[in-house]
Amino acid sequence: MTQSAPRRVKDYIEISEYTGLDDVIRFLEIIRDSLPADCEPEVRIRGDDVFGHRLTISFLRELSTEEAALDAKYRGEPPPPPNAAIDDLRAKLDQVPFKRTVRG
């Protein structure tokens, strides 16, 4: 079976309309500096007069490990190979004696 390209999802960061200009500029600089180069960021103003407006930054990101495992599960793909270090740690933790105390 061939390994497919990693999936990416669109994620969002929103800034309230009640944020000062200096804070908006600072937030945008922090967001820009923390995004990967190929994330295709977009900035839009969304909302309406009833619920308010907000500045929305959308970008593409790779799935997290947990998201990728769930995605594979629901696509019917085999689970990712086990992590030997985590399996060793789990086995060691299973050997630690545990005494349950009852609090009254």
PDB file of N, CA and C in Angstrom:
ATOM      1  N   MET A   1       0.825  -1.169   0.000  1.00  0.00           N
ATOM      2  CA  MET A   1       0.000   0.000   0.000  1.00  0.00           C
ATOM      3  C   MET A   1       0.882   1.250   0.000  1.00  0.00           C
ATOM      4  N   THR A   2       0.555   2.237  -0.803  1.00  0.00           N
ATOM      5  CA  THR A   2       1.347   3.449  -0.874  1.00  0.00           C
ATOM      6  C   THR A   2       0.908   4.433   0.195  1.00  0.00           C
ATOM      7  N   GLN A   3       1.850   5.190   0.664  1.00  0.00           N
ATOM      8  CA  GLN A   3       1.562   6.194   1.682  1.00  0.00           C
ATOM      9  C   GLN A   3       1.003   7.436   0.993  1.00  0.00           C
ATOM     10  N   SER A   4      -0.174   7.874   1.415  1.00  0.00           N
ATOM     11  CA  SER A   4      -0.773   9.050   0.799  1.00  0.00           C
ATOM     12  C   SER A   4      -0.150  10.313   1.386  1.00  0.00           C
ATOM     13  N   ALA A   5      -0.325  11.398   0.666  1.00  0.00           N
ATOM     14  CA  ALA A   5       0.191  12.683   1.128  1.00  0.00           C
ATOM     15  C   ALA A   5      -0.516  13.084   2.413  1.00  0.00           C
ATOM     16  N   PRO A   6       0.176  13.764   3.297  1.00  0.00           N
ATOM     17  CA  PRO A   6      -0.469  14.167   4.546  1.00  0.00           C
ATOM     18  C   PRO A   6      -1.655  15.088   4.271  1.00  0.00           C
ATOM     19  N   ARG A   7      -2.720  14.854   5.005  1.00  0.00           N
ATOM     20  CA  ARG A   7      -3.895  15.706   4.847  1.00  0.00           C
ATOM     21  C   ARG A   7      -3.702  16.992   5.629  1.00  0.00           C
ATOM     22  N   ARG A   8      -4.329  18.041   5.114  1.00  0.00           N
ATOM     23  CA  ARG A   8      -4.291  19.315   5.811  1.00  0.00           C
ATOM     24  C   ARG A   8      -5.717  19.773   6.046  1.00  0.00           C
ATOM     25  N   VAL A   9      -5.906  20.514   7.108  1.00  0.00           N
ATOM     26  CA  VAL A   9      -7.223  21.044   7.439  1.00  0.00           C
ATOM     27  C   VAL A   9      -7.124  22.559   7.546  1.00  0.00           C
ATOM     28  N   LYS A  10      -8.262  23.216   7.327  1.00  0.00           N
ATOM     29  CA  LYS A  10      -8.304  24.660   7.461  1.00  0.00           C
ATOM     30  C   LYS A  10      -8.613  24.994   8.912  1.00  0.00           C
ATOM     31  N   ASP A  11      -7.820  25.842   9.489  1.00  0.00           N
ATOM     32  CA  ASP A  11      -8.001  26.269  10.870  1.00  0.00           C
ATOM     33  C   ASP A  11      -8.231  27.774  10.870  1.00  0.00           C
ATOM     34  N   TYR A  12      -8.807  28.288  11.958  1.00  0.00           N
ATOM     35  CA  TYR A  12      -9.183  29.696  12.019  1.00  0.00           C
ATOM     36  C   TYR A  12      -8.718  30.328  13.322  1.00  0.00           C
ATOM     37  N   ILE A  13      -8.354  31.589  13.230  1.00  0.00           N
ATOM     38  CA  ILE A  13      -8.077  32.424  14.395  1.00  0.00           C
ATOM     39  C   ILE A  13      -8.939  33.663  14.205  1.00  0.00           C
ATOM     40  N   GLU A  14      -9.668  34.040  15.255  1.00  0.00           N
ATOM     41  CA  GLU A  14     -10.541  35.202  15.144  1.00  0.00           C
ATOM     42  C   GLU A  14     -10.111  36.278  16.128  1.00  0.00           C
ATOM     43  N   ILE A  15     -10.217  37.529  15.685  1.00  0.00           N
ATOM     44  CA  ILE A  15      -9.920  38.680  16.524  1.00  0.00           C
ATOM     45  C   ILE A  15     -11.184  39.521  16.593  1.00  0.00           C
ATOM     46  N   SER A  16     -11.616  39.846  17.782  1.00  0.00           N
ATOM     47  CA  SER A  16     -12.846  40.598  18.016  1.00  0.00           C
ATOM     48  C   SER A  16     -12.757  42.002  17.427  1.00  0.00           C
ATOM     49  N   GLU A  17     -13.934  42.563  17.088  1.00  0.00           N
ATOM     50  CA  GLU A  17     -13.957  43.922  16.557  1.00  0.00           C
ATOM     51  C   GLU A  17     -13.624  44.952  17.628  1.00  0.00           C
ATOM     52  N   TYR A  18     -13.613  44.546  18.886  1.00  0.00           N
ATOM     53  CA  TYR A  18     -13.352  45.474  19.982  1.00  0.00           C
ATOM     54  C   TYR A  18     -11.897  45.463  20.407  1.00  0.00           C
ATOM     55  N   THR A  19     -11.023  45.045  19.517  1.00  0.00           N
ATOM     56  CA  THR A  19      -9.593  45.000  19.800  1.00  0.00           C
ATOM     57  C   THR A  19      -8.948  46.263  19.246  1.00  0.00           C
ATOM     58  N   GLY A  20      -8.071  46.871  20.037  1.00  0.00           N
ATOM     59  CA  GLY A  20      -7.398  48.093  19.601  1.00  0.00           C
ATOM     60  C   GLY A  20      -6.448  47.836  18.438  1.00  0.00           C
ATOM     61  N   LEU A  21      -6.178  48.884  17.660  1.00  0.00           N
ATOM     62  CA  LEU A  21      -5.346  48.765  16.464  1.00  0.00           C
ATOM     63  C   LEU A  21      -3.956  48.227  16.780  1.00  0.00           C
ATOM     64  N   ASP A  22      -3.322  48.743  17.824  1.00  0.00           N
ATOM     65  CA  ASP A  22      -1.979  48.265  18.175  1.00  0.00           C
ATOM     66  C   ASP A  22      -1.999  46.779  18.515  1.00  0.00           C
ATOM     67  N   ASP A  23      -3.054  46.329  19.229  1.00  0.00           N
ATOM     68  CA  ASP A  23      -3.167  44.914  19.574  1.00  0.00           C
ATOM     69  C   ASP A  23      -3.396  44.060  18.329  1.00  0.00           C
ATOM     70  N   VAL A  24      -4.230  44.555  17.400  1.00  0.00           N
ATOM     71  CA  VAL A  24      -4.472  43.812  16.154  1.00  0.00           C
ATOM     72  C   VAL A  24      -3.171  43.642  15.384  1.00  0.00           C
ATOM     73  N   ILE A  25      -2.410  44.700  15.270  1.00  0.00           N
ATOM     74  CA  ILE A  25      -1.136  44.634  14.541  1.00  0.00           C
ATOM     75  C   ILE A  25      -0.197  43.642  15.227  1.00  0.00           C
ATOM     76  N   ARG A  26      -0.116  43.712  16.564  1.00  0.00           N
ATOM     77  CA  ARG A  26       0.752  42.789  17.309  1.00  0.00           C
ATOM     78  C   ARG A  26       0.299  41.346  17.126  1.00  0.00           C
ATOM     79  N   PHE A  27      -1.037  41.086  17.235  1.00  0.00           N
ATOM     80  CA  PHE A  27      -1.565  39.729  17.037  1.00  0.00           C
ATOM     81  C   PHE A  27      -1.245  39.214  15.643  1.00  0.00           C
ATOM     82  N   LEU A  28      -1.456  40.065  14.629  1.00  0.00           N
ATOM     83  CA  LEU A  28      -1.192  39.632  13.254  1.00  0.00           C
ATOM     84  C   LEU A  28       0.283  39.315  13.035  1.00  0.00           C
ATOM     85  N   GLU A  29       1.171  40.105  13.630  1.00  0.00           N
ATOM     86  CA  GLU A  29       2.603  39.823  13.500  1.00  0.00           C
ATOM     87  C   GLU A  29       2.961  38.501  14.176  1.00  0.00           C
ATOM     88  N   ILE A  30       2.403  38.261  15.364  1.00  0.00           N
ATOM     89  CA  ILE A  30       2.674  37.003  16.080  1.00  0.00           C
ATOM     90  C   ILE A  30       2.148  35.824  15.280  1.00  0.00           C
ATOM     91  N   ILE A  31       0.927  35.948  14.752  1.00  0.00           N
ATOM     92  CA  ILE A  31       0.337  34.866  13.954  1.00  0.00           C
ATOM     93  C   ILE A  31       1.170  34.617  12.709  1.00  0.00           C
ATOM     94  N   ARG A  32       1.526  35.688  11.985  1.00  0.00           N
ATOM     95  CA  ARG A  32       2.327  35.550  10.764  1.00  0.00           C
ATOM     96  C   ARG A  32       3.650  34.848  11.046  1.00  0.00           C
ATOM     97  N   ASP A  33       4.315  35.224  12.129  1.00  0.00           N
ATOM     98  CA  ASP A  33       5.624  34.651  12.441  1.00  0.00           C
ATOM     99  C   ASP A  33       5.541  33.198  12.897  1.00  0.00           C
ATOM    100  N   SER A  34       4.373  32.759  13.372  1.00  0.00           N
ATOM    101  CA  SER A  34       4.258  31.391  13.875  1.00  0.00           C
ATOM    102  C   SER A  34       3.694  30.408  12.850  1.00  0.00           C
ATOM    103  N   LEU A  35       3.191  30.900  11.714  1.00  0.00           N
ATOM    104  CA  LEU A  35       2.614  30.007  10.706  1.00  0.00           C
ATOM    105  C   LEU A  35       3.697  29.430   9.804  1.00  0.00           C
ATOM    106  N   PRO A  36       3.533  28.172   9.353  1.00  0.00           N
ATOM    107  CA  PRO A  36       4.493  27.607   8.403  1.00  0.00           C
ATOM    108  C   PRO A  36       4.401  28.321   7.051  1.00  0.00           C
ATOM    109  N   ALA A  37       5.438  28.202   6.267  1.00  0.00           N
ATOM    110  CA  ALA A  37       5.531  28.944   5.005  1.00  0.00           C
ATOM    111  C   ALA A  37       4.442  28.578   4.002  1.00  0.00           C
ATOM    112  N   ASP A  38       4.014  27.330   3.971  1.00  0.00           N
ATOM    113  CA  ASP A  38       3.080  26.885   2.930  1.00  0.00           C
ATOM    114  C   ASP A  38       1.634  26.775   3.426  1.00  0.00           C
ATOM    115  N   CYS A  39       1.238  27.585   4.387  1.00  0.00           N
ATOM    116  CA  CYS A  39      -0.083  27.422   5.004  1.00  0.00           C
ATOM    117  C   CYS A  39      -1.198  28.195   4.288  1.00  0.00           C
ATOM    118  N   GLU A  40      -0.877  29.006   3.310  1.00  0.00           N
ATOM    119  CA  GLU A  40      -1.860  29.754   2.519  1.00  0.00           C
ATOM    120  C   GLU A  40      -2.801  30.585   3.396  1.00  0.00           C
ATOM    121  N   PRO A  41      -2.284  31.507   4.213  1.00  0.00           N
ATOM    122  CA  PRO A  41      -3.148  32.279   5.105  1.00  0.00           C
ATOM    123  C   PRO A  41      -4.019  33.281   4.355  1.00  0.00           C
ATOM    124  N   GLU A  42      -5.211  33.522   4.895  1.00  0.00           N
ATOM    125  CA  GLU A  42      -6.135  34.518   4.349  1.00  0.00           C
ATOM    126  C   GLU A  42      -6.700  35.330   5.505  1.00  0.00           C
ATOM    127  N   VAL A  43      -6.971  36.601   5.273  1.00  0.00           N
ATOM    128  CA  VAL A  43      -7.575  37.456   6.279  1.00  0.00           C
ATOM    129  C   VAL A  43      -8.891  37.976   5.717  1.00  0.00           C
ATOM    130  N   ARG A  44      -9.957  37.872   6.520  1.00  0.00           N
ATOM    131  CA  ARG A  44     -11.279  38.346   6.107  1.00  0.00           C
ATOM    132  C   ARG A  44     -11.972  39.006   7.281  1.00  0.00           C
ATOM    133  N   ILE A  45     -12.880  39.901   6.971  1.00  0.00           N
ATOM    134  CA  ILE A  45     -13.757  40.460   7.996  1.00  0.00           C
ATOM    135  C   ILE A  45     -15.080  39.731   7.861  1.00  0.00           C
ATOM    136  N   ARG A  46     -15.529  39.136   8.957  1.00  0.00           N
ATOM    137  CA  ARG A  46     -16.766  38.357   8.941  1.00  0.00           C
ATOM    138  C   ARG A  46     -17.708  38.864  10.013  1.00  0.00           C
ATOM    139  N   GLY A  47     -18.968  38.484   9.880  1.00  0.00           N
ATOM    140  CA  GLY A  47     -19.959  38.823  10.883  1.00  0.00           C
ATOM    141  C   GLY A  47     -21.026  39.747  10.340  1.00  0.00           C
ATOM    142  N   ASP A  48     -21.815  40.299  11.256  1.00  0.00           N
ATOM    143  CA  ASP A  48     -22.894  41.206  10.877  1.00  0.00           C
ATOM    144  C   ASP A  48     -23.155  42.183  12.011  1.00  0.00           C
ATOM    145  N   ASP A  49     -24.137  43.065  11.811  1.00  0.00           N
ATOM    146  CA  ASP A  49     -24.434  44.085  12.816  1.00  0.00           C
ATOM    147  C   ASP A  49     -25.077  43.508  14.073  1.00  0.00           C
ATOM    148  N   VAL A  50     -25.693  42.339  13.965  1.00  0.00           N
ATOM    149  CA  VAL A  50     -26.357  41.735  15.120  1.00  0.00           C
ATOM    150  C   VAL A  50     -25.341  41.046  16.028  1.00  0.00           C
ATOM    151  N   PHE A  51     -24.514  40.189  15.459  1.00  0.00           N
ATOM    152  CA  PHE A  51     -23.573  39.399  16.252  1.00  0.00           C
ATOM    153  C   PHE A  51     -22.184  40.020  16.319  1.00  0.00           C
ATOM    154  N   GLY A  52     -21.973  41.082  15.624  1.00  0.00           N
ATOM    155  CA  GLY A  52     -20.677  41.752  15.634  1.00  0.00           C
ATOM    156  C   GLY A  52     -19.768  41.277  14.513  1.00  0.00           C
ATOM    157  N   HIS A  53     -18.724  42.016  14.311  1.00  0.00           N
ATOM    158  CA  HIS A  53     -17.746  41.696  13.271  1.00  0.00           C
ATOM    159  C   HIS A  53     -16.476  41.187  13.922  1.00  0.00           C
ATOM    160  N   ARG A  54     -15.709  40.423  13.162  1.00  0.00           N
ATOM    161  CA  ARG A  54     -14.433  39.937  13.659  1.00  0.00           C
ATOM    162  C   ARG A  54     -13.496  39.745  12.473  1.00  0.00           C
ATOM    163  N   LEU A  55     -12.244  39.896  12.751  1.00  0.00           N
ATOM    164  CA  LEU A  55     -11.205  39.664  11.769  1.00  0.00           C
ATOM    165  C   LEU A  55     -10.864  38.188  11.848  1.00  0.00           C
ATOM    166  N   THR A  56     -10.975  37.467  10.732  1.00  0.00           N
ATOM    167  CA  THR A  56     -10.741  36.026  10.727  1.00  0.00           C
ATOM    168  C   THR A  56      -9.523  35.704   9.869  1.00  0.00           C
ATOM    169  N   ILE A  57      -8.577  35.003  10.466  1.00  0.00           N
ATOM    170  CA  ILE A  57      -7.398  34.531   9.744  1.00  0.00           C
ATOM    171  C   ILE A  57      -7.570  33.032   9.567  1.00  0.00           C
ATOM    172  N   SER A  58      -7.599  32.568   8.329  1.00  0.00           N
ATOM    173  CA  SER A  58      -7.687  31.129   8.070  1.00  0.00           C
ATOM    174  C   SER A  58      -6.367  30.674   7.454  1.00  0.00           C
ATOM    175  N   PHE A  59      -6.017  29.413   7.739  1.00  0.00           N
ATOM    176  CA  PHE A  59      -4.768  28.864   7.218  1.00  0.00           C
ATOM    177  C   PHE A  59      -4.874  27.350   7.199  1.00  0.00           C
ATOM    178  N   LEU A  60      -4.036  26.727   6.385  1.00  0.00           N
ATOM    179  CA  LEU A  60      -3.995  25.270   6.303  1.00  0.00           C
ATOM    180  C   LEU A  60      -2.905  24.748   7.226  1.00  0.00           C
ATOM    181  N   ARG A  61      -3.201  23.631   7.894  1.00  0.00           N
ATOM    182  CA  ARG A  61      -2.211  23.006   8.765  1.00  0.00           C
ATOM    183  C   ARG A  61      -2.311  21.501   8.625  1.00  0.00           C
ATOM    184  N   GLU A  62      -1.222  20.832   9.003  1.00  0.00           N
ATOM    185  CA  GLU A  62      -1.199  19.373   9.001  1.00  0.00           C
ATOM    186  C   GLU A  62      -2.084  18.865  10.134  1.00  0.00           C
ATOM    187  N   LEU A  63      -2.630  17.670   9.974  1.00  0.00           N
ATOM    188  CA  LEU A  63      -3.398  17.055  11.048  1.00  0.00           C
ATOM    189  C   LEU A  63      -2.480  16.747  12.225  1.00  0.00           C
ATOM    190  N   SER A  64      -2.997  16.900  13.439  1.00  0.00           N
ATOM    191  CA  SER A  64      -2.225  16.497  14.615  1.00  0.00           C
ATOM    192  C   SER A  64      -2.159  14.969  14.625  1.00  0.00           C
ATOM    193  N   THR A  65      -1.318  14.407  15.467  1.00  0.00           N
ATOM    194  CA  THR A  65      -1.193  12.949  15.555  1.00  0.00           C
ATOM    195  C   THR A  65      -2.534  12.319  15.902  1.00  0.00           C
ATOM    196  N   GLU A  66      -3.235  12.909  16.865  1.00  0.00           N
ATOM    197  CA  GLU A  66      -4.536  12.375  17.279  1.00  0.00           C
ATOM    198  C   GLU A  66      -5.561  12.495  16.147  1.00  0.00           C
ATOM    199  N   GLU A  67      -5.580  13.634  15.456  1.00  0.00           N
ATOM    200  CA  GLU A  67      -6.508  13.813  14.333  1.00  0.00           C
ATOM    201  C   GLU A  67      -6.205  12.831  13.209  1.00  0.00           C
ATOM    202  N   ALA A  68      -4.921  12.601  12.937  1.00  0.00           N
ATOM    203  CA  ALA A  68      -4.531  11.671  11.875  1.00  0.00           C
ATOM    204  C   ALA A  68      -4.963  10.249  12.212  1.00  0.00           C
ATOM    205  N   ALA A  69      -4.825   9.851  13.483  1.00  0.00           N
ATOM    206  CA  ALA A  69      -5.243   8.505  13.889  1.00  0.00           C
ATOM    207  C   ALA A  69      -6.751   8.344  13.734  1.00  0.00           C
ATOM    208  N   LEU A  70      -7.517   9.353  14.154  1.00  0.00           N
ATOM    209  CA  LEU A  70      -8.973   9.283  13.992  1.00  0.00           C
ATOM    210  C   LEU A  70      -9.369   9.290  12.522  1.00  0.00           C
ATOM    211  N   ASP A  71      -8.674  10.096  11.726  1.00  0.00           N
ATOM    212  CA  ASP A  71      -8.960  10.160  10.302  1.00  0.00           C
ATOM    213  C   ASP A  71      -8.726   8.796   9.651  1.00  0.00           C
ATOM    214  N   ALA A  72      -7.613   8.156   9.989  1.00  0.00           N
ATOM    215  CA  ALA A  72      -7.304   6.836   9.436  1.00  0.00           C
ATOM    216  C   ALA A  72      -8.344   5.812   9.876  1.00  0.00           C
ATOM    217  N   LYS A  73      -8.763   5.909  11.132  1.00  0.00           N
ATOM    218  CA  LYS A  73      -9.754   4.970  11.665  1.00  0.00           C
ATOM    219  C   LYS A  73     -11.060   5.062  10.872  1.00  0.00           C
ATOM    220  N   TYR A  74     -11.530   6.268  10.638  1.00  0.00           N
ATOM    221  CA  TYR A  74     -12.812   6.432   9.959  1.00  0.00           C
ATOM    222  C   TYR A  74     -12.712   6.265   8.443  1.00  0.00           C
ATOM    223  N   ARG A  75     -11.513   6.282   7.894  1.00  0.00           N
ATOM    224  CA  ARG A  75     -11.323   5.998   6.477  1.00  0.00           C
ATOM    225  C   ARG A  75     -11.148   4.494   6.234  1.00  0.00           C
ATOM    226  N   GLY A  76     -11.041   3.740   7.334  1.00  0.00           N
ATOM    227  CA  GLY A  76     -10.859   2.300   7.208  1.00  0.00           C
ATOM    228  C   GLY A  76      -9.421   1.907   6.933  1.00  0.00           C
ATOM    229  N   GLU A  77      -8.489   2.820   7.139  1.00  0.00           N
ATOM    230  CA  GLU A  77      -7.082   2.519   6.920  1.00  0.00           C
ATOM    231  C   GLU A  77      -6.513   1.841   8.165  1.00  0.00           C
ATOM    232  N   PRO A  78      -5.450   1.078   8.002  1.00  0.00           N
ATOM    233  CA  PRO A  78      -4.838   0.460   9.179  1.00  0.00           C
ATOM    234  C   PRO A  78      -4.271   1.547  10.089  1.00  0.00           C
ATOM    235  N   PRO A  79      -4.253   1.311  11.403  1.00  0.00           N
ATOM    236  CA  PRO A  79      -3.717   2.319  12.322  1.00  0.00           C
ATOM    237  C   PRO A  79      -2.235   2.535  12.072  1.00  0.00           C
ATOM    238  N   PRO A  80      -1.719   3.704  12.461  1.00  0.00           N
ATOM    239  CA  PRO A  80      -0.292   3.941  12.272  1.00  0.00           C
ATOM    240  C   PRO A  80       0.516   2.951  13.098  1.00  0.00           C
ATOM    241  N   PRO A  81       1.755   2.676  12.688  1.00  0.00           N
ATOM    242  CA  PRO A  81       2.569   1.709  13.422  1.00  0.00           C
ATOM    243  C   PRO A  81       2.754   2.163  14.866  1.00  0.00           C
ATOM    244  N   PRO A  82       2.800   1.210  15.797  1.00  0.00           N
ATOM    245  CA  PRO A  82       2.930   1.579  17.204  1.00  0.00           C
ATOM    246  C   PRO A  82       4.287   2.207  17.477  1.00  0.00           C
ATOM    247  N   ASN A  83       4.298   3.031  18.472  1.00  0.00           N
ATOM    248  CA  ASN A  83       5.525   3.684  18.897  1.00  0.00           C
ATOM    249  C   ASN A  83       6.140   2.819  19.993  1.00  0.00           C
ATOM    250  N   ALA A  84       7.289   2.244  19.728  1.00  0.00           N
ATOM    251  CA  ALA A  84       7.915   1.309  20.670  1.00  0.00           C
ATOM    252  C   ALA A  84       8.221   1.978  22.005  1.00  0.00           C
ATOM    253  N   ALA A  85       8.657   3.217  21.999  1.00  0.00           N
ATOM    254  CA  ALA A  85       8.984   3.904  23.251  1.00  0.00           C
ATOM    255  C   ALA A  85       7.737   4.075  24.112  1.00  0.00           C
ATOM    256  N   ILE A  86       6.637   4.430  23.501  1.00  0.00           N
ATOM    257  CA  ILE A  86       5.392   4.599  24.249  1.00  0.00           C
ATOM    258  C   ILE A  86       4.908   3.247  24.758  1.00  0.00           C
ATOM    259  N   ASP A  87       5.027   2.207  23.937  1.00  0.00           N
ATOM    260  CA  ASP A  87       4.619   0.870  24.380  1.00  0.00           C
ATOM    261  C   ASP A  87       5.459   0.403  25.567  1.00  0.00           C
ATOM    262  N   ASP A  88       6.772   0.676  25.557  1.00  0.00           N
ATOM    263  CA  ASP A  88       7.635   0.312  26.682  1.00  0.00           C
ATOM    264  C   ASP A  88       7.226   1.072  27.940  1.00  0.00           C
ATOM    265  N   LEU A  89       6.957   2.357  27.791  1.00  0.00           N
ATOM    266  CA  LEU A  89       6.537   3.156  28.932  1.00  0.00           C
ATOM    267  C   LEU A  89       5.199   2.668  29.482  1.00  0.00           C
ATOM    268  N   ARG A  90       4.265   2.347  28.591  1.00  0.00           N
ATOM    269  CA  ARG A  90       2.961   1.834  29.022  1.00  0.00           C
ATOM    270  C   ARG A  90       3.131   0.528  29.799  1.00  0.00           C
ATOM    271  N   ALA A  91       4.008  -0.358  29.310  1.00  0.00           N
ATOM    272  CA  ALA A  91       4.252  -1.631  30.001  1.00  0.00           C
ATOM    273  C   ALA A  91       4.843  -1.395  31.384  1.00  0.00           C
ATOM    274  N   LYS A  92       5.774  -0.448  31.503  1.00  0.00           N
ATOM    275  CA  LYS A  92       6.356  -0.139  32.805  1.00  0.00           C
ATOM    276  C   LYS A  92       5.306   0.432  33.748  1.00  0.00           C
ATOM    277  N   LEU A  93       4.455   1.298  33.243  1.00  0.00           N
ATOM    278  CA  LEU A  93       3.413   1.889  34.077  1.00  0.00           C
ATOM    279  C   LEU A  93       2.398   0.845  34.520  1.00  0.00           C
ATOM    280  N   ASP A  94       2.144  -0.154  33.692  1.00  0.00           N
ATOM    281  CA  ASP A  94       1.214  -1.218  34.068  1.00  0.00           C
ATOM    282  C   ASP A  94       1.754  -2.053  35.233  1.00  0.00           C
ATOM    283  N   GLN A  95       3.066  -2.063  35.416  1.00  0.00           N
ATOM    284  CA  GLN A  95       3.669  -2.834  36.494  1.00  0.00           C
ATOM    285  C   GLN A  95       3.738  -2.069  37.818  1.00  0.00           C
ATOM    286  N   VAL A  96       3.459  -0.781  37.808  1.00  0.00           N
ATOM    287  CA  VAL A  96       3.498   0.020  39.036  1.00  0.00           C
ATOM    288  C   VAL A  96       2.296  -0.350  39.891  1.00  0.00           C
ATOM    289  N   PRO A  97       2.539  -0.718  41.150  1.00  0.00           N
ATOM    290  CA  PRO A  97       1.411  -1.087  42.015  1.00  0.00           C
ATOM    291  C   PRO A  97       0.536   0.142  42.292  1.00  0.00           C
ATOM    292  N   PHE A  98      -0.742  -0.100  42.288  1.00  0.00           N
ATOM    293  CA  PHE A  98      -1.705   0.985  42.514  1.00  0.00           C
ATOM    294  C   PHE A  98      -2.671   0.557  43.600  1.00  0.00           C
ATOM    295  N   LYS A  99      -2.763   1.360  44.621  1.00  0.00           N
ATOM    296  CA  LYS A  99      -3.675   1.050  45.712  1.00  0.00           C
ATOM    297  C   LYS A  99      -4.744   2.141  45.719  1.00  0.00           C
ATOM    298  N   ARG A 100      -5.968   1.724  45.496  1.00  0.00           N
ATOM    299  CA  ARG A 100      -7.077   2.678  45.469  1.00  0.00           C
ATOM    300  C   ARG A 100      -7.489   3.000  46.893  1.00  0.00           C
ATOM    301  N   THR A 101      -7.620   4.274  47.189  1.00  0.00           N
ATOM    302  CA  THR A 101      -8.097   4.682  48.518  1.00  0.00           C
ATOM    303  C   THR A 101      -9.511   5.205  48.370  1.00  0.00           C
ATOM    304  N   VAL A 102     -10.307   4.879  49.374  1.00  0.00           N
ATOM    305  CA  VAL A 102     -11.707   5.310  49.368  1.00  0.00           C
ATOM    306  C   VAL A 102     -11.805   6.523  50.277  1.00  0.00           C
ATOM    307  N   ARG A 103     -12.335   7.595  49.706  1.00  0.00           N
ATOM    308  CA  ARG A 103     -12.515   8.826  50.491  1.00  0.00           C
ATOM    309  C   ARG A 103     -13.960   8.919  50.906  1.00  0.00           C
ATOM    310  N   GLY A 104     -14.188   9.274  52.121  1.00  0.00           N
ATOM    311  CA  GLY A 104     -15.548   9.286  52.615  1.00  0.00           C
ATOM    312  C   GLY A 104     -16.093  10.603  52.896  1.00  0.00           C
TER     313      GLY A 104
END
